[in-house]
Amino acid sequence: MTLRTRFTLWHTAVLLIAMAVMAVVFHYEFNEDRQAMRSGQTPLDSPLEETGEFLVYFGLPAILFLIVGSAWFMRRFLTPVARLTEAAERIHLRHLHERLPVVGSGDELDRLTEVFNAMTARLHESFNQMHEFTLHASHELKTPLTIMRGEIETALRDEQCPEPQREVLAGLLEEAQRLVKIVDSLSLLAKADSGRHPLNLQPVRFEELVQDSFADAQVLAQRSGLAVTLTKCDVAVVRGDRHRLRQMLLNLTDNAIKYNHSRGSVGMSLARDEDHVELCITNTGPGIPPEQLPRVFDRFFRGDPAHGTEVEGCGLGLTIAQWIVKAHGGEIQIASAANRETTVTVRLPLADERLAAEPTRS
């Protein structure tokens, strides 16, 4: 039964009940007046008084009944809509396999739910196909890229190779290595999207990773003459994957160094409170325009194309860093002021230090 039919039947039923009650009241009043006239008596109430009594004793209850009944009907009518909205809000990329409940009344809402479920099923299948393609493509590309890189490195080791050709080969090797990084990043993100990349969670001394990252950043910053400082480094134990946390730190520090002014600076700090540890990485780069801040974690997004051609990268570093942070139950945010500084803030939940044995540094 459609919603229009149910709504029409409801109001028709209310109208029929009201007309039936009206007919009974009129019939009773008419019989009393007729009997009074037959006995030669004058009716007790005038027509005006009878109309007022009719409105008070019949009209007001009928209106109240109609209002209460309509409110109850509309609430019952809108309940499936509310459930449908709540279920739709819970669906995102990793929950496309979920289906919205079908009431089974056969109305328009059931039809809408079935159409929505069919749409999410098609999206789920499309995303699975895209993930499978990315995984297979990245896997197939690794072998020829590895062979290509090996052959170029072999040619570069040849002492008889002319200098002009050596420069060409060095450029090809650099591009091959860049392609390998892109393929590895795409493979990682595809596995992460499909939930096929489990983390090796264990207690990790996060301040040790930050200190290692600080030392690496100092080495990387020497070419650009950047000053790297670690102003604070509290002891903090988190439950996480040591390798992925190290990768996240490397991506963030590498970005802070690459997107920076000459003779600029990079500042790092690690502070903890009762439940979380907060890492801040600040650089004195050109900054990020406000309209581009919501997109900095998008894949392959690199901001200004003209500036992007001057800096090596593929626009996947922040995307991977965001996935690593969220996979550890944390949050990552970026704030930027044009031509002043950009700050990346990472908050991770602390682990119970009583259960955290001293991990071996790798």
Protein backbone atom coordinates (compact mmCIF):
# COMPACT_ATOMS: atom_id res chain seq x y z
CA MET A 1 0.00 0.00 0.00
CA THR A 2 1.44 3.37 -0.98
CA LEU A 3 1.85 6.26 1.43
CA ARG A 4 -0.68 8.31 -0.54
CA THR A 5 -3.26 5.55 -0.20
CA ARG A 6 -2.63 5.13 3.52
CA PHE A 7 -2.83 8.86 4.12
CA THR A 8 -6.07 9.13 2.12
CA LEU A 9 -7.66 6.18 3.93
CA TRP A 10 -6.72 7.63 7.31
CA HIS A 11 -8.38 10.98 6.66
CA THR A 12 -11.35 9.29 5.01
CA ALA A 13 -11.82 7.13 8.11
CA VAL A 14 -11.65 10.19 10.38
CA LEU A 15 -14.16 12.01 8.19
CA LEU A 16 -16.56 9.04 8.15
CA ILE A 17 -16.37 8.68 11.92
CA ALA A 18 -17.07 12.40 12.34
CA MET A 19 -20.03 12.21 9.95
CA ALA A 20 -21.41 9.14 11.75
CA VAL A 21 -21.21 10.86 15.14
CA MET A 22 -22.82 13.97 13.63
CA ALA A 23 -25.63 11.88 12.18
CA VAL A 24 -26.27 10.20 15.55
CA VAL A 25 -26.34 13.53 17.38
CA PHE A 26 -28.64 15.14 14.79
CA HIS A 27 -30.93 12.11 14.86
CA TYR A 28 -31.15 12.22 18.66
CA GLU A 29 -31.84 15.98 18.72
CA PHE A 30 -34.36 15.69 15.90
CA ASN A 31 -36.31 12.94 17.69
CA GLU A 32 -36.41 14.95 20.93
CA ASP A 33 -37.70 18.07 19.16
CA ARG A 34 -40.30 16.09 17.19
CA GLN A 35 -41.61 14.38 20.33
CA ALA A 36 -41.79 17.74 22.10
CA MET A 37 -43.75 19.25 19.22
CA ARG A 38 -46.17 16.32 19.15
CA SER A 39 -46.87 16.72 22.84
CA GLY A 40 -47.43 20.44 22.35
CA GLN A 41 -44.33 21.44 24.29
CA THR A 42 -41.86 24.08 23.24
CA PRO A 43 -38.31 22.78 22.53
CA LEU A 44 -36.01 23.41 25.48
CA ASP A 45 -33.23 24.91 23.40
CA SER A 46 -33.36 27.42 20.63
CA PRO A 47 -31.62 26.64 17.29
CA LEU A 48 -28.74 28.96 18.26
CA GLU A 49 -28.24 27.19 21.58
CA GLU A 50 -28.39 23.79 19.89
CA THR A 51 -25.72 24.94 17.39
CA GLY A 52 -23.43 26.09 20.24
CA GLU A 53 -23.90 22.83 22.11
CA PHE A 54 -23.17 20.92 18.94
CA LEU A 55 -19.90 22.81 18.42
CA VAL A 56 -18.82 22.38 22.05
CA TYR A 57 -19.77 18.75 22.58
CA PHE A 58 -19.04 17.50 19.09
CA GLY A 59 -16.97 19.97 17.06
CA LEU A 60 -14.14 20.52 19.55
CA PRO A 61 -13.62 16.80 20.35
CA ALA A 62 -13.68 16.02 16.62
CA ILE A 63 -11.03 18.68 15.93
CA LEU A 64 -8.91 17.45 18.87
CA PHE A 65 -9.24 13.86 17.68
CA LEU A 66 -8.25 14.88 14.17
CA ILE A 67 -5.16 16.80 15.42
CA VAL A 68 -3.99 14.03 17.75
CA GLY A 69 -4.66 11.33 15.19
CA SER A 70 -2.90 13.21 12.43
CA ALA A 71 0.12 13.87 14.67
CA TRP A 72 0.30 10.17 15.57
CA PHE A 73 -0.04 9.18 11.93
CA MET A 74 2.63 11.63 10.75
CA ARG A 75 5.01 10.46 13.49
CA ARG A 76 4.49 6.88 12.45
CA PHE A 77 4.80 7.94 8.83
CA LEU A 78 8.12 9.79 9.40
CA THR A 79 9.73 7.16 11.65
CA PRO A 80 10.92 5.05 8.69
CA VAL A 81 12.30 8.22 7.09
CA ALA A 82 14.30 8.98 10.25
CA ARG A 83 15.62 5.40 10.39
CA LEU A 84 16.52 5.60 6.71
CA THR A 85 18.39 8.88 7.25
CA GLU A 86 20.33 7.54 10.26
CA ALA A 87 21.31 4.39 8.38
CA ALA A 88 22.38 6.40 5.33
CA GLU A 89 24.58 8.64 7.52
CA ARG A 90 26.45 5.58 8.80
CA ILE A 91 27.37 4.43 5.32
CA HIS A 92 30.74 5.50 3.92
CA LEU A 93 33.52 4.03 1.83
CA ARG A 94 34.36 1.23 4.24
CA HIS A 95 30.73 0.35 4.99
CA LEU A 96 29.23 0.23 1.51
CA HIS A 97 28.35 -3.42 2.11
CA GLU A 98 25.79 -2.45 4.75
CA ARG A 99 22.16 -2.45 3.70
CA LEU A 100 19.32 -0.28 4.97
CA PRO A 101 16.40 -2.10 6.61
CA VAL A 102 13.26 -2.68 4.54
CA VAL A 103 10.02 -2.35 6.53
CA GLY A 104 8.07 -4.58 4.18
CA SER A 105 4.99 -2.34 3.81
CA GLY A 106 5.47 -2.06 0.05
CA ASP A 107 5.16 1.73 0.03
CA GLU A 108 7.37 4.38 -1.52
CA LEU A 109 9.83 4.26 1.39
CA ASP A 110 10.42 0.56 0.82
CA ARG A 111 10.97 1.28 -2.84
CA LEU A 112 13.38 4.11 -1.98
CA THR A 113 15.27 1.83 0.42
CA GLU A 114 15.59 -0.89 -2.20
CA VAL A 115 16.87 1.61 -4.77
CA PHE A 116 19.37 3.00 -2.24
CA ASN A 117 20.59 -0.49 -1.34
CA ALA A 118 21.01 -1.33 -5.02
CA MET A 119 22.97 1.89 -5.55
CA THR A 120 25.34 1.18 -2.62
CA ALA A 121 25.79 -2.39 -3.89
CA ARG A 122 26.87 -1.05 -7.28
CA LEU A 123 29.20 1.46 -5.60
CA HIS A 124 30.64 -1.30 -3.43
CA GLU A 125 31.30 -3.43 -6.49
CA SER A 126 32.82 -0.50 -8.38
CA PHE A 127 35.16 0.41 -5.52
CA ASN A 128 36.18 -3.23 -5.15
CA GLN A 129 36.98 -3.40 -8.84
CA MET A 130 38.99 -0.17 -8.57
CA HIS A 131 40.92 -1.49 -5.57
CA GLU A 132 41.58 -4.79 -7.29
CA PHE A 133 42.80 -2.99 -10.41
CA THR A 134 45.10 -0.76 -8.35
CA LEU A 135 46.50 -3.72 -6.44
CA HIS A 136 47.05 -5.84 -9.53
CA ALA A 137 48.43 -2.94 -11.57
CA SER A 138 50.88 -1.94 -8.84
CA HIS A 139 51.96 -5.56 -8.42
CA GLU A 140 52.51 -6.00 -12.16
CA LEU A 141 54.40 -2.70 -12.41
CA LYS A 142 56.85 -3.55 -9.64
CA THR A 143 58.66 -6.26 -11.64
CA PRO A 144 59.43 -4.23 -14.81
CA LEU A 145 60.35 -1.19 -12.71
CA THR A 146 62.74 -3.28 -10.62
CA ILE A 147 64.32 -4.71 -13.77
CA MET A 148 64.55 -1.25 -15.33
CA ARG A 149 66.20 0.20 -12.25
CA GLY A 150 68.65 -2.70 -12.05
CA GLU A 151 69.69 -2.35 -15.67
CA ILE A 152 70.19 1.40 -15.32
CA GLU A 153 72.29 0.93 -12.19
CA THR A 154 74.37 -1.69 -14.00
CA ALA A 155 74.92 0.68 -16.92
CA LEU A 156 75.96 3.46 -14.54
CA ARG A 157 78.59 1.20 -12.98
CA ASP A 158 80.20 0.74 -16.37
CA GLU A 159 83.32 2.90 -16.32
CA GLN A 160 83.36 3.10 -20.12
CA CYS A 161 79.95 4.81 -20.21
CA PRO A 162 80.32 8.34 -21.69
CA GLU A 163 79.51 11.25 -19.39
CA PRO A 164 76.55 12.57 -21.49
CA GLN A 165 74.99 9.12 -21.49
CA ARG A 166 75.70 8.76 -17.78
CA GLU A 167 73.72 11.94 -17.10
CA VAL A 168 70.80 10.62 -19.11
CA LEU A 169 70.90 7.31 -17.25
CA ALA A 170 71.06 9.10 -13.90
CA GLY A 171 67.90 11.03 -14.81
CA LEU A 172 66.16 7.83 -15.88
CA LEU A 173 67.16 6.14 -12.62
CA GLU A 174 65.73 9.02 -10.64
CA GLU A 175 62.42 8.82 -12.49
CA ALA A 176 62.32 5.03 -12.10
CA GLN A 177 62.80 5.38 -8.36
CA ARG A 178 60.03 7.97 -8.27
CA LEU A 179 57.71 5.57 -10.11
CA VAL A 180 58.56 2.83 -7.62
CA LYS A 181 57.56 5.13 -4.75
CA ILE A 182 54.26 6.00 -6.46
CA VAL A 183 53.46 2.34 -7.12
CA ASP A 184 54.27 1.38 -3.51
CA SER A 185 52.11 4.24 -2.19
CA LEU A 186 49.16 3.31 -4.41
CA SER A 187 49.44 -0.32 -3.36
CA LEU A 188 49.47 0.67 0.31
CA LEU A 189 46.43 2.95 -0.01
CA ALA A 190 44.49 0.35 -2.02
CA LYS A 191 45.11 -2.25 0.69
CA ALA A 192 44.20 0.26 3.38
CA ASP A 193 40.91 1.18 1.66
CA SER A 194 39.90 -2.45 1.38
CA GLY A 195 40.97 -3.28 4.94
CA ARG A 196 43.68 -5.69 3.77
CA HIS A 197 46.58 -3.99 5.49
CA PRO A 198 46.60 -5.02 9.16
CA LEU A 199 48.82 -3.15 11.59
CA ASN A 200 51.32 -4.82 13.86
CA LEU A 201 50.20 -3.11 17.06
CA GLN A 202 52.53 -3.12 20.05
CA PRO A 203 53.72 -0.66 22.70
CA VAL A 204 56.05 1.86 21.03
CA ARG A 205 58.20 4.55 22.60
CA PHE A 206 56.98 7.35 20.38
CA GLU A 207 59.56 9.89 21.60
CA GLU A 208 62.31 7.61 20.28
CA LEU A 209 60.76 7.66 16.82
CA VAL A 210 60.47 11.45 17.00
CA GLN A 211 64.13 11.77 17.97
CA ASP A 212 65.13 9.50 15.07
CA SER A 213 62.97 11.54 12.72
CA PHE A 214 64.57 14.74 14.06
CA ALA A 215 68.04 13.35 13.29
CA ASP A 216 66.96 12.35 9.78
CA ALA A 217 65.42 15.79 9.20
CA GLN A 218 68.68 17.48 10.15
CA VAL A 219 70.50 15.48 7.50
CA LEU A 220 67.86 16.18 4.84
CA ALA A 221 67.79 19.90 5.68
CA GLN A 222 71.51 20.44 5.16
CA ARG A 223 71.15 20.74 1.38
CA SER A 224 68.70 23.63 1.73
CA GLY A 225 70.41 25.30 4.66
CA LEU A 226 67.35 24.84 6.89
CA ALA A 227 67.49 24.93 10.67
CA VAL A 228 65.70 22.01 12.35
CA THR A 229 64.90 22.22 16.08
CA LEU A 230 63.26 19.86 18.58
CA THR A 231 61.98 22.13 21.35
CA LYS A 232 60.24 19.49 23.46
CA CYS A 233 60.13 15.71 23.50
CA ASP A 234 58.11 14.17 26.34
CA VAL A 235 58.31 10.46 27.03
CA ALA A 236 55.22 8.85 25.50
CA VAL A 237 54.21 5.25 24.86
CA VAL A 238 51.60 4.58 22.19
CA ARG A 239 50.13 1.35 20.93
CA GLY A 240 50.91 1.22 17.26
CA ASP A 241 52.79 -0.14 14.31
CA ARG A 242 56.41 1.03 14.65
CA HIS A 243 57.14 0.88 10.93
CA ARG A 244 54.02 2.84 9.93
CA LEU A 245 54.53 5.47 12.63
CA ARG A 246 58.08 5.95 11.38
CA GLN A 247 56.73 6.29 7.84
CA MET A 248 54.22 8.92 8.99
CA LEU A 249 56.97 10.95 10.67
CA LEU A 250 59.17 10.70 7.59
CA ASN A 251 56.38 11.90 5.31
CA LEU A 252 55.58 14.89 7.52
CA THR A 253 59.20 15.98 8.06
CA ASP A 254 59.99 15.47 4.38
CA ASN A 255 57.08 17.76 3.44
CA ALA A 256 58.17 20.35 6.00
CA ILE A 257 61.64 20.43 4.43
CA LYS A 258 60.60 20.34 0.77
CA TYR A 259 57.91 23.01 1.03
CA ASN A 260 60.05 25.60 2.77
CA HIS A 261 61.87 28.83 2.05
CA SER A 262 65.61 28.83 1.57
CA ARG A 263 67.36 29.36 4.92
CA GLY A 264 64.05 28.73 6.62
CA SER A 265 63.37 26.57 9.66
CA VAL A 266 61.52 23.46 10.77
CA GLY A 267 60.33 23.12 14.36
CA MET A 268 59.28 19.89 16.07
CA SER A 269 57.75 19.32 19.49
CA LEU A 270 56.21 16.36 21.30
CA ALA A 271 54.02 17.02 24.33
CA ARG A 272 51.75 14.72 26.30
CA ASP A 273 48.77 15.13 28.58
CA GLU A 274 46.79 12.59 30.55
CA ASP A 275 45.37 10.64 27.60
CA HIS A 276 47.10 11.79 24.42
CA VAL A 277 50.42 12.76 22.94
CA GLU A 278 50.58 15.72 20.56
CA LEU A 279 53.19 16.12 17.85
CA CYS A 280 53.60 19.49 16.13
CA ILE A 281 55.76 20.05 13.04
CA THR A 282 56.06 23.65 11.86
CA ASN A 283 57.86 25.02 8.83
CA THR A 284 58.40 28.52 7.42
CA GLY A 285 57.21 27.73 3.92
CA PRO A 286 54.99 29.65 1.51
CA GLY A 287 51.91 28.37 3.32
CA ILE A 288 48.69 26.87 2.00
CA PRO A 289 45.84 29.06 0.74
CA PRO A 290 42.68 28.76 2.88
CA GLU A 291 40.62 27.45 -0.04
CA GLN A 292 43.09 24.59 -0.52
CA LEU A 293 43.36 23.48 3.13
CA PRO A 294 40.32 21.14 2.96
CA ARG A 295 41.98 19.28 0.06
CA VAL A 296 45.51 18.80 1.36
CA PHE A 297 44.81 15.16 2.28
CA ASP A 298 43.32 14.33 -1.12
CA ARG A 299 45.28 11.93 -3.27
CA PHE A 300 47.64 13.52 -5.81
CA PHE A 301 46.71 17.01 -4.62
CA ARG A 302 49.78 19.26 -4.68
CA GLY A 303 48.36 22.78 -4.51
CA ASP A 304 49.82 25.27 -6.96
CA PRO A 305 50.80 23.34 -10.13
CA ALA A 306 53.58 25.81 -10.93
CA HIS A 307 55.10 25.31 -7.49
CA GLY A 308 54.49 21.59 -7.62
CA THR A 309 56.77 21.14 -10.62
CA GLU A 310 59.69 22.52 -8.60
CA VAL A 311 59.30 20.04 -5.74
CA GLU A 312 59.62 16.30 -6.05
CA GLY A 313 56.66 14.25 -4.96
CA CYS A 314 53.43 12.68 -6.12
CA GLY A 315 50.87 14.11 -3.68
CA LEU A 316 50.36 10.91 -1.67
CA GLY A 317 52.49 11.60 1.41
CA LEU A 318 49.83 13.42 3.42
CA THR A 319 47.18 10.92 2.35
CA ILE A 320 49.28 8.05 3.71
CA ALA A 321 50.08 10.02 6.88
CA GLN A 322 46.37 10.64 7.47
CA TRP A 323 45.56 6.95 7.04
CA ILE A 324 48.31 5.94 9.48
CA VAL A 325 47.12 8.44 12.10
CA LYS A 326 43.46 7.43 11.80
CA ALA A 327 44.37 3.72 11.84
CA HIS A 328 45.97 4.38 15.24
CA GLY A 329 42.85 6.14 16.55
CA GLY A 330 44.36 9.60 16.29
CA GLU A 331 43.70 12.91 14.58
CA ILE A 332 45.74 15.02 12.19
CA GLN A 333 45.17 18.69 11.34
CA ILE A 334 46.95 21.35 9.31
CA ALA A 335 46.91 25.09 9.97
CA SER A 336 48.66 27.54 7.68
CA ALA A 337 49.34 31.26 7.40
CA ALA A 338 50.38 32.53 3.98
CA ASN A 339 54.13 33.27 3.70
CA ARG A 340 54.58 32.69 7.43
CA GLU A 341 54.31 29.12 8.65
CA THR A 342 52.42 25.87 8.33
CA THR A 343 51.80 23.60 11.32
CA VAL A 344 50.83 19.93 11.21
CA THR A 345 49.38 18.62 14.48
CA VAL A 346 49.05 14.91 15.22
CA ARG A 347 47.26 13.59 18.32
CA LEU A 348 47.57 9.93 19.27
CA PRO A 349 46.10 8.10 22.28
CA LEU A 350 48.57 7.00 24.90
CA ALA A 351 49.06 3.35 25.82
CA ASP A 352 49.10 2.00 29.34
CA GLU A 353 52.76 2.36 30.31
CA ARG A 354 52.44 -0.39 32.94
CA LEU A 355 51.85 -2.86 30.13
CA ALA A 356 54.48 -1.36 27.86
CA ALA A 357 57.75 -3.24 28.01
CA GLU A 358 60.87 -1.58 26.70
CA PRO A 359 60.65 -2.16 22.92
CA THR A 360 63.77 -2.84 20.97
CA ARG A 361 64.77 0.01 18.71
CA SER A 362 65.05 -0.95 15.07
